[in-house]
Each structure stands twice: as C-alpha cells, then as structure tokens.
C-alpha atoms as a PDB file:
ATOM      1  CA  MET A   1      -1.589 -18.565  -1.944  1.00  0.00           C
ATOM      2  CA  PRO A   2      -1.951 -16.644   1.317  1.00  0.00           C
ATOM      3  CA  ASN A   3      -5.341 -16.276   2.979  1.00  0.00           C
ATOM      4  CA  ILE A   4      -6.973 -13.634   5.098  1.00  0.00           C
ATOM      5  CA  ILE A   5      -9.165 -14.944   7.901  1.00  0.00           C
ATOM      6  CA  HIS A   6     -11.857 -12.875   9.608  1.00  0.00           C
ATOM      7  CA  TYR A   7     -13.476 -13.872  12.915  1.00  0.00           C
ATOM      8  CA  ARG A   8     -16.586 -11.815  12.225  1.00  0.00           C
ATOM      9  CA  ASN A   9     -18.545 -12.890  15.316  1.00  0.00           C
ATOM     10  CA  ARG A  10     -15.965 -11.048  17.467  1.00  0.00           C
ATOM     11  CA  CYS A  11     -15.982  -7.852  15.372  1.00  0.00           C
ATOM     12  CA  ILE A  12     -16.693  -4.608  17.258  1.00  0.00           C
ATOM     13  CA  GLY A  13     -17.367  -2.575  14.102  1.00  0.00           C
ATOM     14  CA  CYS A  14     -14.582  -0.008  14.502  1.00  0.00           C
ATOM     15  CA  GLY A  15     -14.149   0.209  10.704  1.00  0.00           C
ATOM     16  CA  ILE A  16     -10.337   0.340  10.532  1.00  0.00           C
ATOM     17  CA  CYS A  17     -10.279  -2.572   8.064  1.00  0.00           C
ATOM     18  CA  TYR A  18     -12.637  -0.719   5.736  1.00  0.00           C
ATOM     19  CA  GLU A  19     -10.634   2.495   6.065  1.00  0.00           C
ATOM     20  CA  LEU A  20      -7.366   0.736   5.195  1.00  0.00           C
ATOM     21  CA  GLN A  21      -8.658  -1.639   2.503  1.00  0.00           C
ATOM     22  CA  PRO A  22     -12.016  -0.566   1.100  1.00  0.00           C
ATOM     23  CA  GLU A  23     -11.481  -2.888  -1.858  1.00  0.00           C
ATOM     24  CA  LEU A  24     -11.732  -5.915   0.493  1.00  0.00           C
ATOM     25  CA  TRP A  25     -14.050  -4.751   3.271  1.00  0.00           C
ATOM     26  CA  ARG A  26     -17.513  -3.256   3.797  1.00  0.00           C
ATOM     27  CA  MET A  27     -19.321  -2.225   6.944  1.00  0.00           C
ATOM     28  CA  SER A  28     -22.692  -3.917   7.317  1.00  0.00           C
ATOM     29  CA  LYS A  29     -25.665  -1.580   7.639  1.00  0.00           C
ATOM     30  CA  LYS A  30     -27.545  -4.449   9.267  1.00  0.00           C
ATOM     31  CA  ASP A  31     -25.326  -5.112  12.304  1.00  0.00           C
ATOM     32  CA  GLY A  32     -22.468  -2.581  12.023  1.00  0.00           C
ATOM     33  CA  LYS A  33     -19.772  -5.236  11.709  1.00  0.00           C
ATOM     34  CA  ALA A  34     -17.128  -5.559   9.015  1.00  0.00           C
ATOM     35  CA  THR A  35     -17.708  -7.919   6.104  1.00  0.00           C
ATOM     36  CA  LEU A  36     -14.835  -9.432   4.130  1.00  0.00           C
ATOM     37  CA  LEU A  37     -15.960  -9.224   0.511  1.00  0.00           C
ATOM     38  CA  ARG A  38     -16.022 -12.417  -1.581  1.00  0.00           C
ATOM     39  CA  ALA A  39     -14.982 -14.493   1.454  1.00  0.00           C
ATOM     40  CA  VAL A  40     -16.163 -18.046   2.029  1.00  0.00           C
ATOM     41  CA  LYS A  41     -17.600 -18.968   5.417  1.00  0.00           C
ATOM     42  CA  LYS A  42     -15.836 -21.972   6.967  1.00  0.00           C
ATOM     43  CA  LYS A  43     -17.253 -22.885  10.368  1.00  0.00           C
ATOM     44  CA  ASP A  44     -17.280 -19.596  12.303  1.00  0.00           C
ATOM     45  CA  VAL A  45     -14.702 -17.719  10.206  1.00  0.00           C
ATOM     46  CA  TYR A  46     -14.568 -16.108   6.790  1.00  0.00           C
ATOM     47  CA  VAL A  47     -11.645 -16.934   4.491  1.00  0.00           C
ATOM     48  CA  LEU A  48     -10.475 -15.171   1.346  1.00  0.00           C
ATOM     49  CA  GLU A  49      -7.538 -16.154  -0.850  1.00  0.00           C
ATOM     50  CA  LEU A  50      -5.343 -13.093  -1.354  1.00  0.00           C
ATOM     51  CA  THR A  51      -3.480 -11.980  -4.417  1.00  0.00           C
ATOM     52  CA  ARG A  52       0.149 -10.956  -3.951  1.00  0.00           C
ATOM     53  CA  HIS A  53      -0.975  -7.382  -4.452  1.00  0.00           C
ATOM     54  CA  HIS A  54      -3.094  -7.477  -1.259  1.00  0.00           C
ATOM     55  CA  VAL A  55      -0.815  -9.420   1.121  1.00  0.00           C
ATOM     56  CA  GLN A  56       1.269  -6.611   2.626  1.00  0.00           C
ATOM     57  CA  LYS A  57      -1.652  -4.216   3.072  1.00  0.00           C
ATOM     58  CA  SER A  58      -3.736  -7.039   4.584  1.00  0.00           C
ATOM     59  CA  LYS A  59      -0.994  -7.677   7.141  1.00  0.00           C
ATOM     60  CA  GLU A  60      -1.045  -3.994   8.063  1.00  0.00           C
ATOM     61  CA  THR A  61      -4.834  -4.128   8.354  1.00  0.00           C
ATOM     62  CA  ALA A  62      -4.639  -7.187  10.608  1.00  0.00           C
ATOM     63  CA  GLU A  63      -2.150  -5.415  12.876  1.00  0.00           C
ATOM     64  CA  ALA A  64      -4.365  -2.316  13.040  1.00  0.00           C
ATOM     65  CA  CYS A  65      -7.448  -4.266  14.162  1.00  0.00           C
ATOM     66  CA  PRO A  66      -7.949  -3.386  17.852  1.00  0.00           C
ATOM     67  CA  VAL A  67      -9.480  -6.763  18.724  1.00  0.00           C
ATOM     68  CA  ARG A  68      -7.069  -8.828  16.562  1.00  0.00           C
ATOM     69  CA  ILE A  69      -9.768 -10.758  14.682  1.00  0.00           C
ATOM     70  CA  ILE A  70      -8.056 -10.578  11.278  1.00  0.00           C
ATOM     71  CA  LYS A  71      -5.271 -13.025  10.450  1.00  0.00           C
ATOM     72  CA  VAL A  72      -3.098 -13.391   7.351  1.00  0.00           C
ATOM     73  CA  ASN A  73      -1.300 -16.679   6.679  1.00  0.00           C
END
C-alpha cells in the first residue's frame, strides 16, 4: 500500500494541502501548521497508509506544496 509522508516540522502553514484534500488534512489552531489526520509519527515525520482512492489526489497535493514537505511513495 502506498504511504503519504509529511515533514511537519518544516511546514509553513500555507494550507494548500487542506484546500486540496480536506478529508486528510487539518490546519492546527495551535501552531498554524498542517496536520495529517490519522497519521503515525515515526521519528520526525508523519506517515499514513493511503487507500487507492486517495493516491492520485495525494500526489497532486504533494506537488502543490510550496516547500515540498509531502511525499507519496
């Protein structure tokens, strides 16, 4: 299964991920950064296993991120 990886510590809080995929992302009211919902923290990154339904849109979201901190593999 493909994964989406989020390097949250480098997030600038632009919100494009939330705009493109609100079912997977939220913007934190605490620090203004994006949060990948239901993700598991592994070291300094957050990882979420994707369903086939979310893979293509997640790739588009990763490409839209201005600081390139979202990866799909």
